[in-house]
């Protein structure tokens, strides 16, 4: 299983609207891709900025390619993001999931 993590910042005044946008548009987009296992949206207020992290879980790198395209390290943005984000971070990070809760089954092999 692969975790994909993206980070973005929005002004606090726009945080509720961005949260609603993510719930209505981005989350369903992630979930529509075969191989997406879960979508989590994390939010943290910090002064006049609110940080958002999307943490998604995928069966494989090929499933991420189906969502993100050829270069999976490049962040995927929606046209509406221009209304909210303070900047556009160019990259996302990926992690192999090697531990977890009671239902976690680690990958076998080398």
PDB file of N, CA and C in Angstrom:
ATOM      1  N   UNK A   1       0.861  -1.169   0.000  1.00  0.00           N
ATOM      2  CA  UNK A   1       0.000   0.000   0.000  1.00  0.00           C
ATOM      3  C   UNK A   1       0.907   1.231   0.000  1.00  0.00           C
ATOM      4  N   UNK A   2       0.488   2.234  -0.752  1.00  0.00           N
ATOM      5  CA  UNK A   2       1.247   3.476  -0.874  1.00  0.00           C
ATOM      6  C   UNK A   2       0.400   4.632  -0.337  1.00  0.00           C
ATOM      7  N   UNK A   3       1.015   5.478   0.486  1.00  0.00           N
ATOM      8  CA  UNK A   3       0.366   6.706   0.957  1.00  0.00           C
ATOM      9  C   UNK A   3       0.897   7.868   0.122  1.00  0.00           C
ATOM     10  N   UNK A   4       0.000   8.744  -0.290  1.00  0.00           N
ATOM     11  CA  UNK A   4       0.354   9.945  -1.065  1.00  0.00           C
ATOM     12  C   UNK A   4      -0.055  11.145  -0.223  1.00  0.00           C
ATOM     13  N   UNK A   5       0.870  12.099  -0.021  1.00  0.00           N
ATOM     14  CA  UNK A   5       0.592  13.232   0.846  1.00  0.00           C
ATOM     15  C   UNK A   5       0.883  14.544   0.120  1.00  0.00           C
ATOM     16  N   UNK A   6      -0.107  15.429   0.165  1.00  0.00           N
ATOM     17  CA  UNK A   6      -0.002  16.772  -0.412  1.00  0.00           C
ATOM     18  C   UNK A   6      -0.303  17.791   0.681  1.00  0.00           C
ATOM     19  N   UNK A   7       0.334  18.960   0.591  1.00  0.00           N
ATOM     20  CA  UNK A   7       0.123  20.033   1.558  1.00  0.00           C
ATOM     21  C   UNK A   7      -0.200  21.329   0.822  1.00  0.00           C
ATOM     22  N   UNK A   8      -1.164  22.074   1.363  1.00  0.00           N
ATOM     23  CA  UNK A   8      -1.488  23.391   0.830  1.00  0.00           C
ATOM     24  C   UNK A   8      -1.895  24.325   1.949  1.00  0.00           C
ATOM     25  N   UNK A   9      -1.769  25.640   1.690  1.00  0.00           N
ATOM     26  CA  UNK A   9      -2.128  26.649   2.686  1.00  0.00           C
ATOM     27  C   UNK A   9      -3.155  27.596   2.089  1.00  0.00           C
ATOM     28  N   UNK A  10      -4.148  27.940   2.909  1.00  0.00           N
ATOM     29  CA  UNK A  10      -5.172  28.911   2.512  1.00  0.00           C
ATOM     30  C   UNK A  10      -5.335  29.939   3.628  1.00  0.00           C
ATOM     31  N   UNK A  11      -5.812  31.137   3.297  1.00  0.00           N
ATOM     32  CA  UNK A  11      -6.121  32.095   4.359  1.00  0.00           C
ATOM     33  C   UNK A  11      -7.220  31.535   5.263  1.00  0.00           C
ATOM     34  N   UNK A  12      -7.135  31.807   6.552  1.00  0.00           N
ATOM     35  CA  UNK A  12      -8.140  31.315   7.502  1.00  0.00           C
ATOM     36  C   UNK A  12      -9.553  31.683   7.051  1.00  0.00           C
ATOM     37  N   UNK A  13      -9.723  32.864   6.496  1.00  0.00           N
ATOM     38  CA  UNK A  13     -11.051  33.317   6.065  1.00  0.00           C
ATOM     39  C   UNK A  13     -11.644  32.446   4.964  1.00  0.00           C
ATOM     40  N   UNK A  14     -10.808  31.703   4.254  1.00  0.00           N
ATOM     41  CA  UNK A  14     -11.285  30.847   3.165  1.00  0.00           C
ATOM     42  C   UNK A  14     -11.291  29.363   3.525  1.00  0.00           C
ATOM     43  N   UNK A  15     -10.874  29.018   4.731  1.00  0.00           N
ATOM     44  CA  UNK A  15     -10.701  27.619   5.111  1.00  0.00           C
ATOM     45  C   UNK A  15     -12.002  26.822   5.042  1.00  0.00           C
ATOM     46  N   UNK A  16     -13.094  27.348   5.544  1.00  0.00           N
ATOM     47  CA  UNK A  16     -14.360  26.601   5.536  1.00  0.00           C
ATOM     48  C   UNK A  16     -14.824  26.334   4.108  1.00  0.00           C
ATOM     49  N   UNK A  17     -14.666  27.326   3.235  1.00  0.00           N
ATOM     50  CA  UNK A  17     -15.064  27.132   1.833  1.00  0.00           C
ATOM     51  C   UNK A  17     -14.153  26.131   1.136  1.00  0.00           C
ATOM     52  N   UNK A  18     -12.857  26.168   1.449  1.00  0.00           N
ATOM     53  CA  UNK A  18     -11.943  25.206   0.833  1.00  0.00           C
ATOM     54  C   UNK A  18     -12.244  23.798   1.336  1.00  0.00           C
ATOM     55  N   UNK A  19     -12.504  23.655   2.621  1.00  0.00           N
ATOM     56  CA  UNK A  19     -12.888  22.359   3.181  1.00  0.00           C
ATOM     57  C   UNK A  19     -14.111  21.808   2.458  1.00  0.00           C
ATOM     58  N   UNK A  20     -15.103  22.669   2.218  1.00  0.00           N
ATOM     59  CA  UNK A  20     -16.314  22.237   1.511  1.00  0.00           C
ATOM     60  C   UNK A  20     -15.988  21.842   0.069  1.00  0.00           C
ATOM     61  N   UNK A  21     -15.113  22.605  -0.585  1.00  0.00           N
ATOM     62  CA  UNK A  21     -14.708  22.252  -1.949  1.00  0.00           C
ATOM     63  C   UNK A  21     -14.033  20.883  -1.982  1.00  0.00           C
ATOM     64  N   UNK A  22     -13.114  20.648  -1.051  1.00  0.00           N
ATOM     65  CA  UNK A  22     -12.422  19.364  -1.015  1.00  0.00           C
ATOM     66  C   UNK A  22     -13.413  18.215  -0.817  1.00  0.00           C
ATOM     67  N   UNK A  23     -14.353  18.411   0.084  1.00  0.00           N
ATOM     68  CA  UNK A  23     -15.343  17.363   0.356  1.00  0.00           C
ATOM     69  C   UNK A  23     -16.248  17.099  -0.844  1.00  0.00           C
ATOM     70  N   UNK A  24     -16.625  18.153  -1.547  1.00  0.00           N
ATOM     71  CA  UNK A  24     -17.576  18.018  -2.651  1.00  0.00           C
ATOM     72  C   UNK A  24     -16.925  17.616  -3.964  1.00  0.00           C
ATOM     73  N   UNK A  25     -15.666  17.977  -4.176  1.00  0.00           N
ATOM     74  CA  UNK A  25     -15.055  17.756  -5.486  1.00  0.00           C
ATOM     75  C   UNK A  25     -13.795  16.891  -5.446  1.00  0.00           C
ATOM     76  N   UNK A  26     -12.835  17.255  -4.608  1.00  0.00           N
ATOM     77  CA  UNK A  26     -11.558  16.545  -4.618  1.00  0.00           C
ATOM     78  C   UNK A  26     -11.702  15.124  -4.067  1.00  0.00           C
ATOM     79  N   UNK A  27     -12.359  14.981  -2.918  1.00  0.00           N
ATOM     80  CA  UNK A  27     -12.507  13.652  -2.323  1.00  0.00           C
ATOM     81  C   UNK A  27     -13.224  12.685  -3.262  1.00  0.00           C
ATOM     82  N   UNK A  28     -14.347  13.069  -3.878  1.00  0.00           N
ATOM     83  CA  UNK A  28     -14.976  12.142  -4.831  1.00  0.00           C
ATOM     84  C   UNK A  28     -14.079  11.814  -6.028  1.00  0.00           C
ATOM     85  N   UNK A  29     -13.270  12.788  -6.462  1.00  0.00           N
ATOM     86  CA  UNK A  29     -12.352  12.526  -7.569  1.00  0.00           C
ATOM     87  C   UNK A  29     -11.343  11.455  -7.182  1.00  0.00           C
ATOM     88  N   UNK A  30     -10.732  11.585  -6.006  1.00  0.00           N
ATOM     89  CA  UNK A  30      -9.806  10.553  -5.536  1.00  0.00           C
ATOM     90  C   UNK A  30     -10.511   9.198  -5.480  1.00  0.00           C
ATOM     91  N   UNK A  31     -11.674   9.182  -4.866  1.00  0.00           N
ATOM     92  CA  UNK A  31     -12.380   7.908  -4.640  1.00  0.00           C
ATOM     93  C   UNK A  31     -12.860   7.255  -5.930  1.00  0.00           C
ATOM     94  N   UNK A  32     -12.983   8.041  -6.991  1.00  0.00           N
ATOM     95  CA  UNK A  32     -13.462   7.479  -8.255  1.00  0.00           C
ATOM     96  C   UNK A  32     -12.399   6.661  -8.984  1.00  0.00           C
ATOM     97  N   UNK A  33     -11.167   6.750  -8.556  1.00  0.00           N
ATOM     98  CA  UNK A  33     -10.072   6.063  -9.242  1.00  0.00           C
ATOM     99  C   UNK A  33      -9.922   4.651  -8.684  1.00  0.00           C
ATOM    100  N   UNK A  34     -10.007   3.634  -9.544  1.00  0.00           N
ATOM    101  CA  UNK A  34      -9.785   2.270  -9.060  1.00  0.00           C
ATOM    102  C   UNK A  34      -8.415   2.153  -8.405  1.00  0.00           C
ATOM    103  N   UNK A  35      -8.392   1.519  -7.260  1.00  0.00           N
ATOM    104  CA  UNK A  35      -7.147   1.372  -6.525  1.00  0.00           C
ATOM    105  C   UNK A  35      -6.980   2.373  -5.394  1.00  0.00           C
ATOM    106  N   UNK A  36      -7.876   3.370  -5.324  1.00  0.00           N
ATOM    107  CA  UNK A  36      -7.848   4.275  -4.177  1.00  0.00           C
ATOM    108  C   UNK A  36      -8.498   3.545  -3.010  1.00  0.00           C
ATOM    109  N   UNK A  37      -7.801   3.498  -1.887  1.00  0.00           N
ATOM    110  CA  UNK A  37      -8.292   2.777  -0.720  1.00  0.00           C
ATOM    111  C   UNK A  37      -8.909   3.690   0.325  1.00  0.00           C
ATOM    112  N   UNK A  38      -8.416   4.938   0.410  1.00  0.00           N
ATOM    113  CA  UNK A  38      -8.934   5.863   1.415  1.00  0.00           C
ATOM    114  C   UNK A  38      -8.464   7.277   1.107  1.00  0.00           C
ATOM    115  N   UNK A  39      -9.262   8.234   1.587  1.00  0.00           N
ATOM    116  CA  UNK A  39      -8.935   9.654   1.474  1.00  0.00           C
ATOM    117  C   UNK A  39      -9.144  10.278   2.845  1.00  0.00           C
ATOM    118  N   UNK A  40      -8.136  10.982   3.320  1.00  0.00           N
ATOM    119  CA  UNK A  40      -8.235  11.707   4.579  1.00  0.00           C
ATOM    120  C   UNK A  40      -7.801  13.148   4.325  1.00  0.00           C
ATOM    121  N   UNK A  41      -8.573  14.082   4.829  1.00  0.00           N
ATOM    122  CA  UNK A  41      -8.236  15.497   4.729  1.00  0.00           C
ATOM    123  C   UNK A  41      -7.896  15.977   6.140  1.00  0.00           C
ATOM    124  N   UNK A  42      -6.690  16.492   6.304  1.00  0.00           N
ATOM    125  CA  UNK A  42      -6.243  17.007   7.595  1.00  0.00           C
ATOM    126  C   UNK A  42      -6.222  18.524   7.523  1.00  0.00           C
ATOM    127  N   UNK A  43      -6.559  19.176   8.625  1.00  0.00           N
ATOM    128  CA  UNK A  43      -6.638  20.640   8.655  1.00  0.00           C
ATOM    129  C   UNK A  43      -6.052  21.151   9.969  1.00  0.00           C
ATOM    130  N   UNK A  44      -5.258  22.250   9.867  1.00  0.00           N
ATOM    131  CA  UNK A  44      -4.681  22.848  11.069  1.00  0.00           C
ATOM    132  C   UNK A  44      -4.583  24.354  10.877  1.00  0.00           C
ATOM    133  N   UNK A  45      -5.233  25.099  11.760  1.00  0.00           N
ATOM    134  CA  UNK A  45      -5.136  26.559  11.748  1.00  0.00           C
ATOM    135  C   UNK A  45      -3.822  26.965  12.401  1.00  0.00           C
ATOM    136  N   UNK A  46      -3.173  27.979  11.808  1.00  0.00           N
ATOM    137  CA  UNK A  46      -1.894  28.470  12.314  1.00  0.00           C
ATOM    138  C   UNK A  46      -1.855  29.973  12.061  1.00  0.00           C
ATOM    139  N   UNK A  47      -2.328  30.744  13.041  1.00  0.00           N
ATOM    140  CA  UNK A  47      -2.400  32.197  12.857  1.00  0.00           C
ATOM    141  C   UNK A  47      -3.426  32.544  11.791  1.00  0.00           C
ATOM    142  N   UNK A  48      -2.994  33.266  10.771  1.00  0.00           N
ATOM    143  CA  UNK A  48      -3.920  33.692   9.722  1.00  0.00           C
ATOM    144  C   UNK A  48      -3.943  32.746   8.523  1.00  0.00           C
ATOM    145  N   UNK A  49      -3.317  31.564   8.686  1.00  0.00           N
ATOM    146  CA  UNK A  49      -3.240  30.568   7.615  1.00  0.00           C
ATOM    147  C   UNK A  49      -3.813  29.249   8.122  1.00  0.00           C
ATOM    148  N   UNK A  50      -4.478  28.523   7.240  1.00  0.00           N
ATOM    149  CA  UNK A  50      -4.914  27.176   7.556  1.00  0.00           C
ATOM    150  C   UNK A  50      -4.194  26.215   6.619  1.00  0.00           C
ATOM    151  N   UNK A  51      -3.590  25.201   7.210  1.00  0.00           N
ATOM    152  CA  UNK A  51      -2.878  24.166   6.445  1.00  0.00           C
ATOM    153  C   UNK A  51      -3.841  23.020   6.169  1.00  0.00           C
ATOM    154  N   UNK A  52      -3.795  22.516   4.955  1.00  0.00           N
ATOM    155  CA  UNK A  52      -4.540  21.331   4.581  1.00  0.00           C
ATOM    156  C   UNK A  52      -3.556  20.281   4.088  1.00  0.00           C
ATOM    157  N   UNK A  53      -3.785  19.056   4.496  1.00  0.00           N
ATOM    158  CA  UNK A  53      -3.007  17.927   3.997  1.00  0.00           C
ATOM    159  C   UNK A  53      -4.005  16.909   3.471  1.00  0.00           C
ATOM    160  N   UNK A  54      -3.793  16.476   2.242  1.00  0.00           N
ATOM    161  CA  UNK A  54      -4.569  15.333   1.767  1.00  0.00           C
ATOM    162  C   UNK A  54      -3.661  14.119   1.906  1.00  0.00           C
ATOM    163  N   UNK A  55      -4.177  13.115   2.552  1.00  0.00           N
ATOM    164  CA  UNK A  55      -3.470  11.863   2.764  1.00  0.00           C
ATOM    165  C   UNK A  55      -4.329  10.775   2.150  1.00  0.00           C
ATOM    166  N   UNK A  56      -3.839  10.225   1.055  1.00  0.00           N
ATOM    167  CA  UNK A  56      -4.598   9.202   0.350  1.00  0.00           C
ATOM    168  C   UNK A  56      -3.812   7.896   0.360  1.00  0.00           C
ATOM    169  N   UNK A  57      -4.544   6.810   0.299  1.00  0.00           N
ATOM    170  CA  UNK A  57      -3.935   5.483   0.320  1.00  0.00           C
ATOM    171  C   UNK A  57      -4.333   4.742  -0.945  1.00  0.00           C
ATOM    172  N   UNK A  58      -3.350   4.075  -1.541  1.00  0.00           N
ATOM    173  CA  UNK A  58      -3.504   3.450  -2.851  1.00  0.00           C
ATOM    174  C   UNK A  58      -2.985   2.025  -2.833  1.00  0.00           C
ATOM    175  N   UNK A  59      -3.607   1.182  -3.658  1.00  0.00           N
ATOM    176  CA  UNK A  59      -3.169  -0.212  -3.783  1.00  0.00           C
ATOM    177  C   UNK A  59      -1.766  -0.321  -4.362  1.00  0.00           C
ATOM    178  N   UNK A  60      -1.441   0.579  -5.316  1.00  0.00           N
ATOM    179  CA  UNK A  60      -0.195   0.427  -6.066  1.00  0.00           C
ATOM    180  C   UNK A  60       0.207   1.753  -6.709  1.00  0.00           C
ATOM    181  N   UNK A  61       1.423   1.783  -7.209  1.00  0.00           N
ATOM    182  CA  UNK A  61       1.874   2.953  -7.961  1.00  0.00           C
ATOM    183  C   UNK A  61       1.078   3.124  -9.248  1.00  0.00           C
ATOM    184  N   UNK A  62       0.675   2.031  -9.859  1.00  0.00           N
ATOM    185  CA  UNK A  62      -0.110   2.153 -11.101  1.00  0.00           C
ATOM    186  C   UNK A  62      -1.456   2.817 -10.828  1.00  0.00           C
ATOM    187  N   UNK A  63      -2.046   2.585  -9.673  1.00  0.00           N
ATOM    188  CA  UNK A  63      -3.295   3.267  -9.317  1.00  0.00           C
ATOM    189  C   UNK A  63      -3.048   4.768  -9.153  1.00  0.00           C
ATOM    190  N   UNK A  64      -1.913   5.131  -8.565  1.00  0.00           N
ATOM    191  CA  UNK A  64      -1.580   6.550  -8.429  1.00  0.00           C
ATOM    192  C   UNK A  64      -1.365   7.172  -9.799  1.00  0.00           C
ATOM    193  N   UNK A  65      -0.715   6.442 -10.701  1.00  0.00           N
ATOM    194  CA  UNK A  65      -0.534   6.947 -12.072  1.00  0.00           C
ATOM    195  C   UNK A  65      -1.884   7.235 -12.724  1.00  0.00           C
ATOM    196  N   UNK A  66      -2.868   6.381 -12.482  1.00  0.00           N
ATOM    197  CA  UNK A  66      -4.205   6.593 -13.065  1.00  0.00           C
ATOM    198  C   UNK A  66      -4.826   7.885 -12.556  1.00  0.00           C
ATOM    199  N   UNK A  67      -4.496   8.256 -11.335  1.00  0.00           N
ATOM    200  CA  UNK A  67      -5.009   9.502 -10.763  1.00  0.00           C
ATOM    201  C   UNK A  67      -4.172  10.710 -11.172  1.00  0.00           C
ATOM    202  N   UNK A  68      -2.841  10.591 -11.049  1.00  0.00           N
ATOM    203  CA  UNK A  68      -1.949  11.748 -11.141  1.00  0.00           C
ATOM    204  C   UNK A  68      -1.288  11.942 -12.497  1.00  0.00           C
ATOM    205  N   UNK A  69      -1.246  10.892 -13.307  1.00  0.00           N
ATOM    206  CA  UNK A  69      -0.573  11.003 -14.588  1.00  0.00           C
ATOM    207  C   UNK A  69       0.821  10.414 -14.570  1.00  0.00           C
ATOM    208  N   UNK A  70       1.574  10.724 -15.616  1.00  0.00           N
ATOM    209  CA  UNK A  70       2.902  10.143 -15.841  1.00  0.00           C
ATOM    210  C   UNK A  70       3.849  10.336 -14.659  1.00  0.00           C
ATOM    211  N   UNK A  71       4.008  11.574 -14.204  1.00  0.00           N
ATOM    212  CA  UNK A  71       4.937  11.881 -13.109  1.00  0.00           C
ATOM    213  C   UNK A  71       4.141  12.016 -11.815  1.00  0.00           C
ATOM    214  N   UNK A  72       4.136  10.956 -11.024  1.00  0.00           N
ATOM    215  CA  UNK A  72       3.296  10.955  -9.822  1.00  0.00           C
ATOM    216  C   UNK A  72       3.823  11.861  -8.721  1.00  0.00           C
ATOM    217  N   UNK A  73       5.050  12.376  -8.865  1.00  0.00           N
ATOM    218  CA  UNK A  73       5.583  13.284  -7.847  1.00  0.00           C
ATOM    219  C   UNK A  73       5.048  14.707  -8.013  1.00  0.00           C
ATOM    220  N   UNK A  74       4.402  14.990  -9.142  1.00  0.00           N
ATOM    221  CA  UNK A  74       3.856  16.323  -9.404  1.00  0.00           C
ATOM    222  C   UNK A  74       2.471  16.422  -8.765  1.00  0.00           C
ATOM    223  N   UNK A  75       2.245  17.499  -8.038  1.00  0.00           N
ATOM    224  CA  UNK A  75       0.947  17.716  -7.393  1.00  0.00           C
ATOM    225  C   UNK A  75      -0.134  17.928  -8.445  1.00  0.00           C
ATOM    226  N   UNK A  76      -1.308  17.405  -8.176  1.00  0.00           N
ATOM    227  CA  UNK A  76      -2.464  17.590  -9.055  1.00  0.00           C
ATOM    228  C   UNK A  76      -3.330  18.696  -8.468  1.00  0.00           C
ATOM    229  N   UNK A  77      -3.636  19.688  -9.289  1.00  0.00           N
ATOM    230  CA  UNK A  77      -4.471  20.799  -8.843  1.00  0.00           C
ATOM    231  C   UNK A  77      -5.735  20.891  -9.674  1.00  0.00           C
ATOM    232  N   UNK A  78      -6.757  21.467  -9.068  1.00  0.00           N
ATOM    233  CA  UNK A  78      -8.034  21.723  -9.730  1.00  0.00           C
ATOM    234  C   UNK A  78      -8.118  23.210 -10.061  1.00  0.00           C
ATOM    235  N   UNK A  79      -8.831  23.591 -11.099  1.00  0.00           N
ATOM    236  CA  UNK A  79      -8.948  25.019 -11.433  1.00  0.00           C
ATOM    237  C   UNK A  79      -9.439  25.865 -10.250  1.00  0.00           C
ATOM    238  N   UNK A  80     -10.326  25.322  -9.434  1.00  0.00           N
ATOM    239  CA  UNK A  80     -10.888  26.057  -8.298  1.00  0.00           C
ATOM    240  C   UNK A  80      -9.846  26.346  -7.218  1.00  0.00           C
ATOM    241  N   UNK A  81      -8.746  25.585  -7.203  1.00  0.00           N
ATOM    242  CA  UNK A  81      -7.712  25.819  -6.196  1.00  0.00           C
ATOM    243  C   UNK A  81      -7.180  27.245  -6.246  1.00  0.00           C
ATOM    244  N   UNK A  82      -7.223  27.879  -7.406  1.00  0.00           N
ATOM    245  CA  UNK A  82      -6.731  29.263  -7.548  1.00  0.00           C
ATOM    246  C   UNK A  82      -7.495  30.236  -6.653  1.00  0.00           C
ATOM    247  N   UNK A  83      -8.746  29.910  -6.343  1.00  0.00           N
ATOM    248  CA  UNK A  83      -9.560  30.773  -5.490  1.00  0.00           C
ATOM    249  C   UNK A  83      -9.118  30.732  -4.023  1.00  0.00           C
ATOM    250  N   UNK A  84      -8.386  29.709  -3.642  1.00  0.00           N
ATOM    251  CA  UNK A  84      -8.108  29.473  -2.231  1.00  0.00           C
ATOM    252  C   UNK A  84      -6.638  29.462  -1.842  1.00  0.00           C
ATOM    253  N   UNK A  85      -5.817  28.751  -2.594  1.00  0.00           N
ATOM    254  CA  UNK A  85      -4.444  28.473  -2.174  1.00  0.00           C
ATOM    255  C   UNK A  85      -3.535  29.691  -2.244  1.00  0.00           C
ATOM    256  N   UNK A  86      -2.644  29.801  -1.264  1.00  0.00           N
ATOM    257  CA  UNK A  86      -1.680  30.895  -1.223  1.00  0.00           C
ATOM    258  C   UNK A  86      -0.506  30.648  -2.167  1.00  0.00           C
ATOM    259  N   UNK A  87      -0.184  29.385  -2.408  1.00  0.00           N
ATOM    260  CA  UNK A  87       0.844  29.010  -3.373  1.00  0.00           C
ATOM    261  C   UNK A  87       0.540  27.593  -3.842  1.00  0.00           C
ATOM    262  N   UNK A  88       1.258  27.188  -4.858  1.00  0.00           N
ATOM    263  CA  UNK A  88       1.061  25.857  -5.425  1.00  0.00           C
ATOM    264  C   UNK A  88       2.351  25.063  -5.257  1.00  0.00           C
ATOM    265  N   UNK A  89       2.379  24.264  -4.217  1.00  0.00           N
ATOM    266  CA  UNK A  89       3.551  23.430  -3.991  1.00  0.00           C
ATOM    267  C   UNK A  89       3.663  22.459  -5.165  1.00  0.00           C
ATOM    268  N   UNK A  90       4.849  22.341  -5.746  1.00  0.00           N
ATOM    269  CA  UNK A  90       4.966  21.562  -6.979  1.00  0.00           C
ATOM    270  C   UNK A  90       4.935  20.053  -6.801  1.00  0.00           C
ATOM    271  N   UNK A  91       5.265  19.572  -5.612  1.00  0.00           N
ATOM    272  CA  UNK A  91       5.431  18.128  -5.456  1.00  0.00           C
ATOM    273  C   UNK A  91       4.609  17.567  -4.307  1.00  0.00           C
ATOM    274  N   UNK A  92       4.350  16.287  -4.415  1.00  0.00           N
ATOM    275  CA  UNK A  92       3.763  15.503  -3.334  1.00  0.00           C
ATOM    276  C   UNK A  92       4.801  14.478  -2.899  1.00  0.00           C
ATOM    277  N   UNK A  93       4.551  13.818  -1.792  1.00  0.00           N
ATOM    278  CA  UNK A  93       5.449  12.752  -1.356  1.00  0.00           C
ATOM    279  C   UNK A  93       4.665  11.457  -1.235  1.00  0.00           C
ATOM    280  N   UNK A  94       5.380  10.365  -1.419  1.00  0.00           N
ATOM    281  CA  UNK A  94       4.789   9.035  -1.331  1.00  0.00           C
ATOM    282  C   UNK A  94       5.563   8.221  -0.299  1.00  0.00           C
ATOM    283  N   UNK A  95       4.824   7.397   0.425  1.00  0.00           N
ATOM    284  CA  UNK A  95       5.419   6.517   1.420  1.00  0.00           C
ATOM    285  C   UNK A  95       4.840   5.125   1.240  1.00  0.00           C
ATOM    286  N   UNK A  96       5.668   4.129   1.410  1.00  0.00           N
ATOM    287  CA  UNK A  96       5.160   2.771   1.483  1.00  0.00           C
ATOM    288  C   UNK A  96       4.642   2.574   2.896  1.00  0.00           C
ATOM    289  N   UNK A  97       3.440   2.089   3.034  1.00  0.00           N
ATOM    290  CA  UNK A  97       2.839   1.863   4.348  1.00  0.00           C
ATOM    291  C   UNK A  97       3.367   0.525   4.865  1.00  0.00           C
ATOM    292  N   UNK A  98       4.057   0.584   6.005  1.00  0.00           N
ATOM    293  CA  UNK A  98       4.689  -0.616   6.550  1.00  0.00           C
ATOM    294  C   UNK A  98       4.167  -0.994   7.935  1.00  0.00           C
ATOM    295  N   UNK A  99       3.232  -0.231   8.452  1.00  0.00           N
ATOM    296  CA  UNK A  99       2.650  -0.527   9.747  1.00  0.00           C
ATOM    297  C   UNK A  99       1.312   0.174   9.864  1.00  0.00           C
ATOM    298  N   UNK A 100       0.503  -0.265  10.796  1.00  0.00           N
ATOM    299  CA  UNK A 100      -0.800   0.369  10.940  1.00  0.00           C
ATOM    300  C   UNK A 100      -1.623  -0.269  12.026  1.00  0.00           C
ATOM    301  N   UNK A 101      -2.915   0.006  11.947  1.00  0.00           N
ATOM    302  CA  UNK A 101      -3.866  -0.457  12.942  1.00  0.00           C
ATOM    303  C   UNK A 101      -4.159  -1.942  12.848  1.00  0.00           C
ATOM    304  N   UNK A 102      -5.194  -2.375  13.558  1.00  0.00           N
ATOM    305  CA  UNK A 102      -5.489  -3.815  13.673  1.00  0.00           C
ATOM    306  C   UNK A 102      -5.826  -4.478  12.340  1.00  0.00           C
ATOM    307  N   UNK A 103      -6.345  -3.745  11.374  1.00  0.00           N
ATOM    308  CA  UNK A 103      -6.700  -4.385  10.106  1.00  0.00           C
ATOM    309  C   UNK A 103      -5.574  -4.303   9.085  1.00  0.00           C
ATOM    310  N   UNK A 104      -4.422  -3.747   9.473  1.00  0.00           N
ATOM    311  CA  UNK A 104      -3.307  -3.580   8.554  1.00  0.00           C
ATOM    312  C   UNK A 104      -2.627  -4.924   8.273  1.00  0.00           C
ATOM    313  N   UNK A 105      -2.399  -5.187   6.998  1.00  0.00           N
ATOM    314  CA  UNK A 105      -1.657  -6.377   6.586  1.00  0.00           C
ATOM    315  C   UNK A 105      -0.434  -5.911   5.806  1.00  0.00           C
ATOM    316  N   UNK A 106       0.758  -6.004   6.382  1.00  0.00           N
ATOM    317  CA  UNK A 106       1.950  -5.507   5.697  1.00  0.00           C
ATOM    318  C   UNK A 106       2.254  -6.288   4.429  1.00  0.00           C
ATOM    319  N   UNK A 107       2.926  -5.624   3.506  1.00  0.00           N
ATOM    320  CA  UNK A 107       3.345  -6.277   2.265  1.00  0.00           C
ATOM    321  C   UNK A 107       4.351  -7.359   2.592  1.00  0.00           C
ATOM    322  N   UNK A 108       4.312  -8.414   1.825  1.00  0.00           N
ATOM    323  CA  UNK A 108       5.277  -9.498   2.025  1.00  0.00           C
ATOM    324  C   UNK A 108       6.348  -9.396   0.949  1.00  0.00           C
ATOM    325  N   UNK A 109       7.451  -9.973   1.197  1.00  0.00           N
ATOM    326  CA  UNK A 109       8.537  -9.945   0.216  1.00  0.00           C
ATOM    327  C   UNK A 109       9.786  -9.370   0.827  1.00  0.00           C
ATOM    328  N   UNK A 110      10.652  -8.823  -0.043  1.00  0.00           N
ATOM    329  CA  UNK A 110      11.968  -8.370   0.413  1.00  0.00           C
ATOM    330  C   UNK A 110      11.932  -7.165   1.272  1.00  0.00           C
TER     331      UNK A 110
END
